[in-house]
């Protein structure tokens, strides 16, 4: 399922216009992105949680040249599956 499919399903299930459904989906994902950008955790009970993991700077190695390279600190988003989703997918 992609974003367009989600908009279509929301439109059909909730009886919204396509524009309204698109606004809801964009608002939902926009707020999730804003929360993660602010370092907050996003938790959807029964489905999943998203959080930002911080990595410290370290010295790496360029695999092509073998030269040492300083890697800057970074933050990456992570997804953790909820218990109910795990059970539903596994059954």
PDB file of N, CA and C in Angstrom:
ATOM      1  N   UNK A   1       0.842  -1.176   0.000  1.00  0.00           N
ATOM      2  CA  UNK A   1       0.000   0.000   0.000  1.00  0.00           C
ATOM      3  C   UNK A   1       0.889   1.241   0.000  1.00  0.00           C
ATOM      4  N   UNK A   2       0.541   2.187  -0.832  1.00  0.00           N
ATOM      5  CA  UNK A   2       1.275   3.447  -0.853  1.00  0.00           C
ATOM      6  C   UNK A   2       0.352   4.575  -0.384  1.00  0.00           C
ATOM      7  N   UNK A   3       0.854   5.786  -0.411  1.00  0.00           N
ATOM      8  CA  UNK A   3       0.104   6.935   0.091  1.00  0.00           C
ATOM      9  C   UNK A   3      -1.192   7.150  -0.687  1.00  0.00           C
ATOM     10  N   UNK A   4      -1.155   6.990  -1.994  1.00  0.00           N
ATOM     11  CA  UNK A   4      -2.349   7.165  -2.825  1.00  0.00           C
ATOM     12  C   UNK A   4      -3.409   6.124  -2.482  1.00  0.00           C
ATOM     13  N   UNK A   5      -2.984   4.887  -2.238  1.00  0.00           N
ATOM     14  CA  UNK A   5      -3.921   3.833  -1.843  1.00  0.00           C
ATOM     15  C   UNK A   5      -4.563   4.158  -0.498  1.00  0.00           C
ATOM     16  N   UNK A   6      -3.755   4.666   0.425  1.00  0.00           N
ATOM     17  CA  UNK A   6      -4.259   5.046   1.740  1.00  0.00           C
ATOM     18  C   UNK A   6      -5.309   6.149   1.626  1.00  0.00           C
ATOM     19  N   UNK A   7      -5.051   7.132   0.784  1.00  0.00           N
ATOM     20  CA  UNK A   7      -6.000   8.232   0.564  1.00  0.00           C
ATOM     21  C   UNK A   7      -7.297   7.692  -0.026  1.00  0.00           C
ATOM     22  N   UNK A   8      -7.195   6.806  -0.992  1.00  0.00           N
ATOM     23  CA  UNK A   8      -8.383   6.222  -1.623  1.00  0.00           C
ATOM     24  C   UNK A   8      -9.198   5.414  -0.623  1.00  0.00           C
ATOM     25  N   UNK A   9      -8.533   4.596   0.193  1.00  0.00           N
ATOM     26  CA  UNK A   9      -9.243   3.806   1.196  1.00  0.00           C
ATOM     27  C   UNK A   9      -9.913   4.688   2.239  1.00  0.00           C
ATOM     28  N   UNK A  10      -9.243   5.729   2.679  1.00  0.00           N
ATOM     29  CA  UNK A  10      -9.825   6.661   3.642  1.00  0.00           C
ATOM     30  C   UNK A  10     -11.038   7.359   3.043  1.00  0.00           C
ATOM     31  N   UNK A  11     -10.928   7.754   1.804  1.00  0.00           N
ATOM     32  CA  UNK A  11     -12.038   8.406   1.094  1.00  0.00           C
ATOM     33  C   UNK A  11     -13.253   7.487   1.060  1.00  0.00           C
ATOM     34  N   UNK A  12     -13.046   6.229   0.716  1.00  0.00           N
ATOM     35  CA  UNK A  12     -14.147   5.281   0.595  1.00  0.00           C
ATOM     36  C   UNK A  12     -14.749   4.899   1.945  1.00  0.00           C
ATOM     37  N   UNK A  13     -13.913   4.666   2.946  1.00  0.00           N
ATOM     38  CA  UNK A  13     -14.388   4.216   4.255  1.00  0.00           C
ATOM     39  C   UNK A  13     -15.048   5.329   5.063  1.00  0.00           C
ATOM     40  N   UNK A  14     -14.495   6.543   4.991  1.00  0.00           N
ATOM     41  CA  UNK A  14     -14.996   7.640   5.817  1.00  0.00           C
ATOM     42  C   UNK A  14     -15.990   8.539   5.075  1.00  0.00           C
ATOM     43  N   UNK A  15     -16.176   8.297   3.790  1.00  0.00           N
ATOM     44  CA  UNK A  15     -17.106   9.126   3.023  1.00  0.00           C
ATOM     45  C   UNK A  15     -16.624  10.552   2.833  1.00  0.00           C
ATOM     46  N   UNK A  16     -15.309  10.708   2.723  1.00  0.00           N
ATOM     47  CA  UNK A  16     -14.716  12.030   2.515  1.00  0.00           C
ATOM     48  C   UNK A  16     -14.461  12.254   1.030  1.00  0.00           C
ATOM     49  N   UNK A  17     -14.256  13.510   0.678  1.00  0.00           N
ATOM     50  CA  UNK A  17     -13.819  13.789  -0.686  1.00  0.00           C
ATOM     51  C   UNK A  17     -12.339  13.425  -0.769  1.00  0.00           C
ATOM     52  N   UNK A  18     -11.834  13.294  -1.988  1.00  0.00           N
ATOM     53  CA  UNK A  18     -10.423  12.947  -2.154  1.00  0.00           C
ATOM     54  C   UNK A  18      -9.533  14.040  -1.570  1.00  0.00           C
ATOM     55  N   UNK A  19      -9.915  15.288  -1.723  1.00  0.00           N
ATOM     56  CA  UNK A  19      -9.136  16.409  -1.191  1.00  0.00           C
ATOM     57  C   UNK A  19      -9.088  16.365   0.333  1.00  0.00           C
ATOM     58  N   UNK A  20     -10.236  16.076   0.968  1.00  0.00           N
ATOM     59  CA  UNK A  20     -10.285  15.990   2.427  1.00  0.00           C
ATOM     60  C   UNK A  20      -9.437  14.816   2.929  1.00  0.00           C
ATOM     61  N   UNK A  21      -9.568  13.677   2.271  1.00  0.00           N
ATOM     62  CA  UNK A  21      -8.794  12.503   2.668  1.00  0.00           C
ATOM     63  C   UNK A  21      -7.293  12.762   2.509  1.00  0.00           C
ATOM     64  N   UNK A  22      -6.920  13.415   1.429  1.00  0.00           N
ATOM     65  CA  UNK A  22      -5.508  13.745   1.205  1.00  0.00           C
ATOM     66  C   UNK A  22      -5.000  14.694   2.280  1.00  0.00           C
ATOM     67  N   UNK A  23      -5.815  15.659   2.679  1.00  0.00           N
ATOM     68  CA  UNK A  23      -5.435  16.594   3.743  1.00  0.00           C
ATOM     69  C   UNK A  23      -5.209  15.868   5.062  1.00  0.00           C
ATOM     70  N   UNK A  24      -6.086  14.914   5.383  1.00  0.00           N
ATOM     71  CA  UNK A  24      -5.950  14.147   6.627  1.00  0.00           C
ATOM     72  C   UNK A  24      -4.661  13.336   6.615  1.00  0.00           C
ATOM     73  N   UNK A  25      -4.403  12.640   5.524  1.00  0.00           N
ATOM     74  CA  UNK A  25      -3.193  11.820   5.428  1.00  0.00           C
ATOM     75  C   UNK A  25      -1.945  12.696   5.490  1.00  0.00           C
ATOM     76  N   UNK A  26      -1.936  13.804   4.778  1.00  0.00           N
ATOM     77  CA  UNK A  26      -0.778  14.711   4.800  1.00  0.00           C
ATOM     78  C   UNK A  26      -0.564  15.305   6.188  1.00  0.00           C
ATOM     79  N   UNK A  27      -1.651  15.653   6.877  1.00  0.00           N
ATOM     80  CA  UNK A  27      -1.548  16.188   8.230  1.00  0.00           C
ATOM     81  C   UNK A  27      -0.966  15.138   9.167  1.00  0.00           C
ATOM     82  N   UNK A  28      -1.459  13.918   9.063  1.00  0.00           N
ATOM     83  CA  UNK A  28      -0.989  12.827   9.921  1.00  0.00           C
ATOM     84  C   UNK A  28       0.513  12.603   9.748  1.00  0.00           C
ATOM     85  N   UNK A  29       0.950  12.416   8.511  1.00  0.00           N
ATOM     86  CA  UNK A  29       2.366  12.155   8.268  1.00  0.00           C
ATOM     87  C   UNK A  29       3.229  13.386   8.531  1.00  0.00           C
ATOM     88  N   UNK A  30       2.701  14.560   8.280  1.00  0.00           N
ATOM     89  CA  UNK A  30       3.433  15.791   8.565  1.00  0.00           C
ATOM     90  C   UNK A  30       3.693  15.961  10.051  1.00  0.00           C
ATOM     91  N   UNK A  31       2.675  15.688  10.874  1.00  0.00           N
ATOM     92  CA  UNK A  31       2.843  15.797  12.328  1.00  0.00           C
ATOM     93  C   UNK A  31       3.788  14.737  12.868  1.00  0.00           C
ATOM     94  N   UNK A  32       3.733  13.537  12.293  1.00  0.00           N
ATOM     95  CA  UNK A  32       4.685  12.497  12.697  1.00  0.00           C
ATOM     96  C   UNK A  32       6.118  12.934  12.374  1.00  0.00           C
ATOM     97  N   UNK A  33       6.311  13.474  11.187  1.00  0.00           N
ATOM     98  CA  UNK A  33       7.646  13.935  10.774  1.00  0.00           C
ATOM     99  C   UNK A  33       8.136  15.067  11.667  1.00  0.00           C
ATOM    100  N   UNK A  34       7.237  16.001  11.999  1.00  0.00           N
ATOM    101  CA  UNK A  34       7.615  17.118  12.866  1.00  0.00           C
ATOM    102  C   UNK A  34       8.014  16.624  14.252  1.00  0.00           C
ATOM    103  N   UNK A  35       7.257  15.677  14.797  1.00  0.00           N
ATOM    104  CA  UNK A  35       7.569  15.143  16.117  1.00  0.00           C
ATOM    105  C   UNK A  35       8.938  14.470  16.115  1.00  0.00           C
ATOM    106  N   UNK A  36       9.212  13.664  15.093  1.00  0.00           N
ATOM    107  CA  UNK A  36      10.515  12.994  15.010  1.00  0.00           C
ATOM    108  C   UNK A  36      11.645  13.996  14.819  1.00  0.00           C
ATOM    109  N   UNK A  37      11.395  15.034  14.025  1.00  0.00           N
ATOM    110  CA  UNK A  37      12.417  16.071  13.800  1.00  0.00           C
ATOM    111  C   UNK A  37      12.740  16.808  15.103  1.00  0.00           C
ATOM    112  N   UNK A  38      11.750  16.896  16.004  1.00  0.00           N
ATOM    113  CA  UNK A  38      11.954  17.541  17.303  1.00  0.00           C
ATOM    114  C   UNK A  38      12.535  16.584  18.334  1.00  0.00           C
ATOM    115  N   UNK A  39      12.777  15.332  17.931  1.00  0.00           N
ATOM    116  CA  UNK A  39      13.351  14.354  18.836  1.00  0.00           C
ATOM    117  C   UNK A  39      12.322  13.623  19.682  1.00  0.00           C
ATOM    118  N   UNK A  40      11.042  13.819  19.413  1.00  0.00           N
ATOM    119  CA  UNK A  40       9.982  13.153  20.168  1.00  0.00           C
ATOM    120  C   UNK A  40       9.750  11.750  19.633  1.00  0.00           C
ATOM    121  N   UNK A  41       9.111  10.935  20.454  1.00  0.00           N
ATOM    122  CA  UNK A  41       8.746   9.572  20.090  1.00  0.00           C
ATOM    123  C   UNK A  41       7.292   9.581  19.622  1.00  0.00           C
ATOM    124  N   UNK A  42       6.977   8.824  18.581  1.00  0.00           N
ATOM    125  CA  UNK A  42       5.610   8.693  18.073  1.00  0.00           C
ATOM    126  C   UNK A  42       5.174   7.259  18.330  1.00  0.00           C
ATOM    127  N   UNK A  43       4.090   7.093  19.093  1.00  0.00           N
ATOM    128  CA  UNK A  43       3.622   5.756  19.429  1.00  0.00           C
ATOM    129  C   UNK A  43       2.165   5.615  19.025  1.00  0.00           C
ATOM    130  N   UNK A  44       1.882   4.587  18.243  1.00  0.00           N
ATOM    131  CA  UNK A  44       0.526   4.259  17.838  1.00  0.00           C
ATOM    132  C   UNK A  44       0.225   2.910  18.468  1.00  0.00           C
ATOM    133  N   UNK A  45      -0.529   2.922  19.553  1.00  0.00           N
ATOM    134  CA  UNK A  45      -0.800   1.710  20.341  1.00  0.00           C
ATOM    135  C   UNK A  45      -1.337   0.587  19.459  1.00  0.00           C
ATOM    136  N   UNK A  46      -0.765  -0.580  19.632  1.00  0.00           N
ATOM    137  CA  UNK A  46      -1.192  -1.749  18.894  1.00  0.00           C
ATOM    138  C   UNK A  46      -0.586  -1.875  17.512  1.00  0.00           C
ATOM    139  N   UNK A  47       0.061  -0.833  17.040  1.00  0.00           N
ATOM    140  CA  UNK A  47       0.628  -0.865  15.696  1.00  0.00           C
ATOM    141  C   UNK A  47       2.149  -0.776  15.727  1.00  0.00           C
ATOM    142  N   UNK A  48       2.668   0.373  16.173  1.00  0.00           N
ATOM    143  CA  UNK A  48       4.112   0.570  16.127  1.00  0.00           C
ATOM    144  C   UNK A  48       4.512   1.808  16.901  1.00  0.00           C
ATOM    145  N   UNK A  49       5.807   2.015  16.979  1.00  0.00           N
ATOM    146  CA  UNK A  49       6.344   3.270  17.503  1.00  0.00           C
ATOM    147  C   UNK A  49       7.537   3.666  16.637  1.00  0.00           C
ATOM    148  N   UNK A  50       7.743   4.951  16.554  1.00  0.00           N
ATOM    149  CA  UNK A  50       8.878   5.521  15.838  1.00  0.00           C
ATOM    150  C   UNK A  50       9.663   6.343  16.840  1.00  0.00           C
ATOM    151  N   UNK A  51      10.981   6.281  16.746  1.00  0.00           N
ATOM    152  CA  UNK A  51      11.818   7.085  17.621  1.00  0.00           C
ATOM    153  C   UNK A  51      13.104   7.430  16.892  1.00  0.00           C
ATOM    154  N   UNK A  52      13.827   8.393  17.447  1.00  0.00           N
ATOM    155  CA  UNK A  52      15.073   8.849  16.841  1.00  0.00           C
ATOM    156  C   UNK A  52      16.230   8.331  17.679  1.00  0.00           C
ATOM    157  N   UNK A  53      17.163   7.666  17.027  1.00  0.00           N
ATOM    158  CA  UNK A  53      18.350   7.143  17.697  1.00  0.00           C
ATOM    159  C   UNK A  53      19.531   8.037  17.338  1.00  0.00           C
ATOM    160  N   UNK A  54      20.300   8.420  18.356  1.00  0.00           N
ATOM    161  CA  UNK A  54      21.440   9.314  18.139  1.00  0.00           C
ATOM    162  C   UNK A  54      22.731   8.511  18.128  1.00  0.00           C
ATOM    163  N   UNK A  55      23.579   8.833  17.169  1.00  0.00           N
ATOM    164  CA  UNK A  55      24.885   8.194  17.050  1.00  0.00           C
ATOM    165  C   UNK A  55      25.975   9.227  17.273  1.00  0.00           C
ATOM    166  N   UNK A  56      26.999   8.850  18.026  1.00  0.00           N
ATOM    167  CA  UNK A  56      28.135   9.738  18.269  1.00  0.00           C
ATOM    168  C   UNK A  56      29.056   9.731  17.056  1.00  0.00           C
ATOM    169  N   UNK A  57      29.932  10.721  17.009  1.00  0.00           N
ATOM    170  CA  UNK A  57      30.940  10.782  15.943  1.00  0.00           C
ATOM    171  C   UNK A  57      31.937   9.641  16.150  1.00  0.00           C
ATOM    172  N   UNK A  58      32.479   9.139  15.059  1.00  0.00           N
ATOM    173  CA  UNK A  58      33.467   8.074  15.143  1.00  0.00           C
ATOM    174  C   UNK A  58      34.380   8.119  13.923  1.00  0.00           C
ATOM    175  N   UNK A  59      35.474   7.391  14.026  1.00  0.00           N
ATOM    176  CA  UNK A  59      36.409   7.303  12.914  1.00  0.00           C
ATOM    177  C   UNK A  59      36.094   6.037  12.130  1.00  0.00           C
ATOM    178  N   UNK A  60      35.780   6.217  10.864  1.00  0.00           N
ATOM    179  CA  UNK A  60      35.483   5.092   9.988  1.00  0.00           C
ATOM    180  C   UNK A  60      36.584   4.907   8.971  1.00  0.00           C
ATOM    181  N   UNK A  61      36.340   4.015   8.041  1.00  0.00           N
ATOM    182  CA  UNK A  61      37.341   3.743   7.019  1.00  0.00           C
ATOM    183  C   UNK A  61      36.651   3.696   5.664  1.00  0.00           C
ATOM    184  N   UNK A  62      37.235   4.400   4.696  1.00  0.00           N
ATOM    185  CA  UNK A  62      36.725   4.366   3.334  1.00  0.00           C
ATOM    186  C   UNK A  62      37.058   2.992   2.754  1.00  0.00           C
ATOM    187  N   UNK A  63      36.035   2.189   2.396  1.00  0.00           N
ATOM    188  CA  UNK A  63      36.325   0.828   1.924  1.00  0.00           C
ATOM    189  C   UNK A  63      37.076   0.786   0.594  1.00  0.00           C
ATOM    190  N   UNK A  64      36.950   1.831  -0.187  1.00  0.00           N
ATOM    191  CA  UNK A  64      37.607   1.857  -1.494  1.00  0.00           C
ATOM    192  C   UNK A  64      39.110   2.151  -1.367  1.00  0.00           C
ATOM    193  N   UNK A  65      39.441   3.153  -0.520  1.00  0.00           N
ATOM    194  CA  UNK A  65      40.839   3.578  -0.410  1.00  0.00           C
ATOM    195  C   UNK A  65      41.519   3.070   0.853  1.00  0.00           C
ATOM    196  N   UNK A  66      40.741   2.682   1.850  1.00  0.00           N
ATOM    197  CA  UNK A  66      41.312   2.248   3.124  1.00  0.00           C
ATOM    198  C   UNK A  66      41.694   3.403   4.021  1.00  0.00           C
ATOM    199  N   UNK A  67      41.453   4.625   3.568  1.00  0.00           N
ATOM    200  CA  UNK A  67      41.817   5.816   4.321  1.00  0.00           C
ATOM    201  C   UNK A  67      40.833   6.047   5.459  1.00  0.00           C
ATOM    202  N   UNK A  68      41.345   6.497   6.624  1.00  0.00           N
ATOM    203  CA  UNK A  68      40.465   6.796   7.751  1.00  0.00           C
ATOM    204  C   UNK A  68      39.693   8.081   7.489  1.00  0.00           C
ATOM    205  N   UNK A  69      38.404   8.051   7.885  1.00  0.00           N
ATOM    206  CA  UNK A  69      37.524   9.199   7.671  1.00  0.00           C
ATOM    207  C   UNK A  69      36.767   9.466   8.960  1.00  0.00           C
ATOM    208  N   UNK A  70      36.640  10.739   9.321  1.00  0.00           N
ATOM    209  CA  UNK A  70      35.876  11.113  10.510  1.00  0.00           C
ATOM    210  C   UNK A  70      34.397  11.179  10.145  1.00  0.00           C
ATOM    211  N   UNK A  71      33.575  10.390  10.832  1.00  0.00           N
ATOM    212  CA  UNK A  71      32.135  10.371  10.602  1.00  0.00           C
ATOM    213  C   UNK A  71      31.475  11.281  11.622  1.00  0.00           C
ATOM    214  N   UNK A  72      30.655  12.217  11.141  1.00  0.00           N
ATOM    215  CA  UNK A  72      29.983  13.183  12.012  1.00  0.00           C
ATOM    216  C   UNK A  72      28.863  12.504  12.803  1.00  0.00           C
ATOM    217  N   UNK A  73      28.481  13.084  13.953  1.00  0.00           N
ATOM    218  CA  UNK A  73      27.346  12.531  14.693  1.00  0.00           C
ATOM    219  C   UNK A  73      26.078  12.660  13.857  1.00  0.00           C
ATOM    220  N   UNK A  74      25.143  11.723  14.067  1.00  0.00           N
ATOM    221  CA  UNK A  74      23.920  11.766  13.270  1.00  0.00           C
ATOM    222  C   UNK A  74      22.758  11.210  14.077  1.00  0.00           C
ATOM    223  N   UNK A  75      21.567  11.491  13.572  1.00  0.00           N
ATOM    224  CA  UNK A  75      20.332  10.984  14.162  1.00  0.00           C
ATOM    225  C   UNK A  75      19.567  10.257  13.065  1.00  0.00           C
ATOM    226  N   UNK A  76      19.039   9.071  13.392  1.00  0.00           N
ATOM    227  CA  UNK A  76      18.290   8.294  12.414  1.00  0.00           C
ATOM    228  C   UNK A  76      16.953   7.847  13.009  1.00  0.00           C
ATOM    229  N   UNK A  77      15.889   7.869  12.209  1.00  0.00           N
ATOM    230  CA  UNK A  77      14.597   7.387  12.702  1.00  0.00           C
ATOM    231  C   UNK A  77      14.555   5.859  12.702  1.00  0.00           C
ATOM    232  N   UNK A  78      13.909   5.291  13.715  1.00  0.00           N
ATOM    233  CA  UNK A  78      13.742   3.849  13.826  1.00  0.00           C
ATOM    234  C   UNK A  78      12.278   3.509  14.021  1.00  0.00           C
ATOM    235  N   UNK A  79      11.911   2.319  13.567  1.00  0.00           N
ATOM    236  CA  UNK A  79      10.558   1.793  13.659  1.00  0.00           C
ATOM    237  C   UNK A  79      10.587   0.563  14.549  1.00  0.00           C
ATOM    238  N   UNK A  80       9.650   0.484  15.488  1.00  0.00           N
ATOM    239  CA  UNK A  80       9.540  -0.707  16.324  1.00  0.00           C
ATOM    240  C   UNK A  80       8.108  -1.212  16.229  1.00  0.00           C
ATOM    241  N   UNK A  81       7.966  -2.452  15.842  1.00  0.00           N
ATOM    242  CA  UNK A  81       6.667  -3.071  15.638  1.00  0.00           C
ATOM    243  C   UNK A  81       5.972  -3.308  16.983  1.00  0.00           C
ATOM    244  N   UNK A  82       4.647  -3.083  17.040  1.00  0.00           N
ATOM    245  CA  UNK A  82       3.864  -3.342  18.235  1.00  0.00           C
ATOM    246  C   UNK A  82       3.504  -4.812  18.373  1.00  0.00           C
ATOM    247  N   UNK A  83       3.164  -5.216  19.589  1.00  0.00           N
ATOM    248  CA  UNK A  83       2.855  -6.611  19.880  1.00  0.00           C
ATOM    249  C   UNK A  83       1.674  -7.122  19.056  1.00  0.00           C
ATOM    250  N   UNK A  84       0.604  -6.331  18.971  1.00  0.00           N
ATOM    251  CA  UNK A  84      -0.577  -6.755  18.225  1.00  0.00           C
ATOM    252  C   UNK A  84      -0.278  -6.923  16.742  1.00  0.00           C
ATOM    253  N   UNK A  85       0.526  -6.045  16.181  1.00  0.00           N
ATOM    254  CA  UNK A  85       0.887  -6.151  14.770  1.00  0.00           C
ATOM    255  C   UNK A  85       1.735  -7.403  14.527  1.00  0.00           C
ATOM    256  N   UNK A  86       2.677  -7.674  15.424  1.00  0.00           N
ATOM    257  CA  UNK A  86       3.505  -8.871  15.304  1.00  0.00           C
ATOM    258  C   UNK A  86       2.626 -10.114  15.276  1.00  0.00           C
ATOM    259  N   UNK A  87       1.689 -10.168  16.209  1.00  0.00           N
ATOM    260  CA  UNK A  87       0.800 -11.332  16.298  1.00  0.00           C
ATOM    261  C   UNK A  87      -0.082 -11.465  15.059  1.00  0.00           C
ATOM    262  N   UNK A  88      -0.580 -10.352  14.560  1.00  0.00           N
ATOM    263  CA  UNK A  88      -1.455 -10.389  13.378  1.00  0.00           C
ATOM    264  C   UNK A  88      -0.694 -10.843  12.134  1.00  0.00           C
ATOM    265  N   UNK A  89       0.524 -10.371  11.975  1.00  0.00           N
ATOM    266  CA  UNK A  89       1.328 -10.737  10.813  1.00  0.00           C
ATOM    267  C   UNK A  89       1.766 -12.199  10.909  1.00  0.00           C
ATOM    268  N   UNK A  90       2.057 -12.666  12.126  1.00  0.00           N
ATOM    269  CA  UNK A  90       2.568 -14.015  12.328  1.00  0.00           C
ATOM    270  C   UNK A  90       1.485 -15.085  12.200  1.00  0.00           C
ATOM    271  N   UNK A  91       0.220 -14.707  12.363  1.00  0.00           N
ATOM    272  CA  UNK A  91      -0.836 -15.730  12.321  1.00  0.00           C
ATOM    273  C   UNK A  91      -1.255 -16.123  10.924  1.00  0.00           C
TER     274      UNK A  91
END
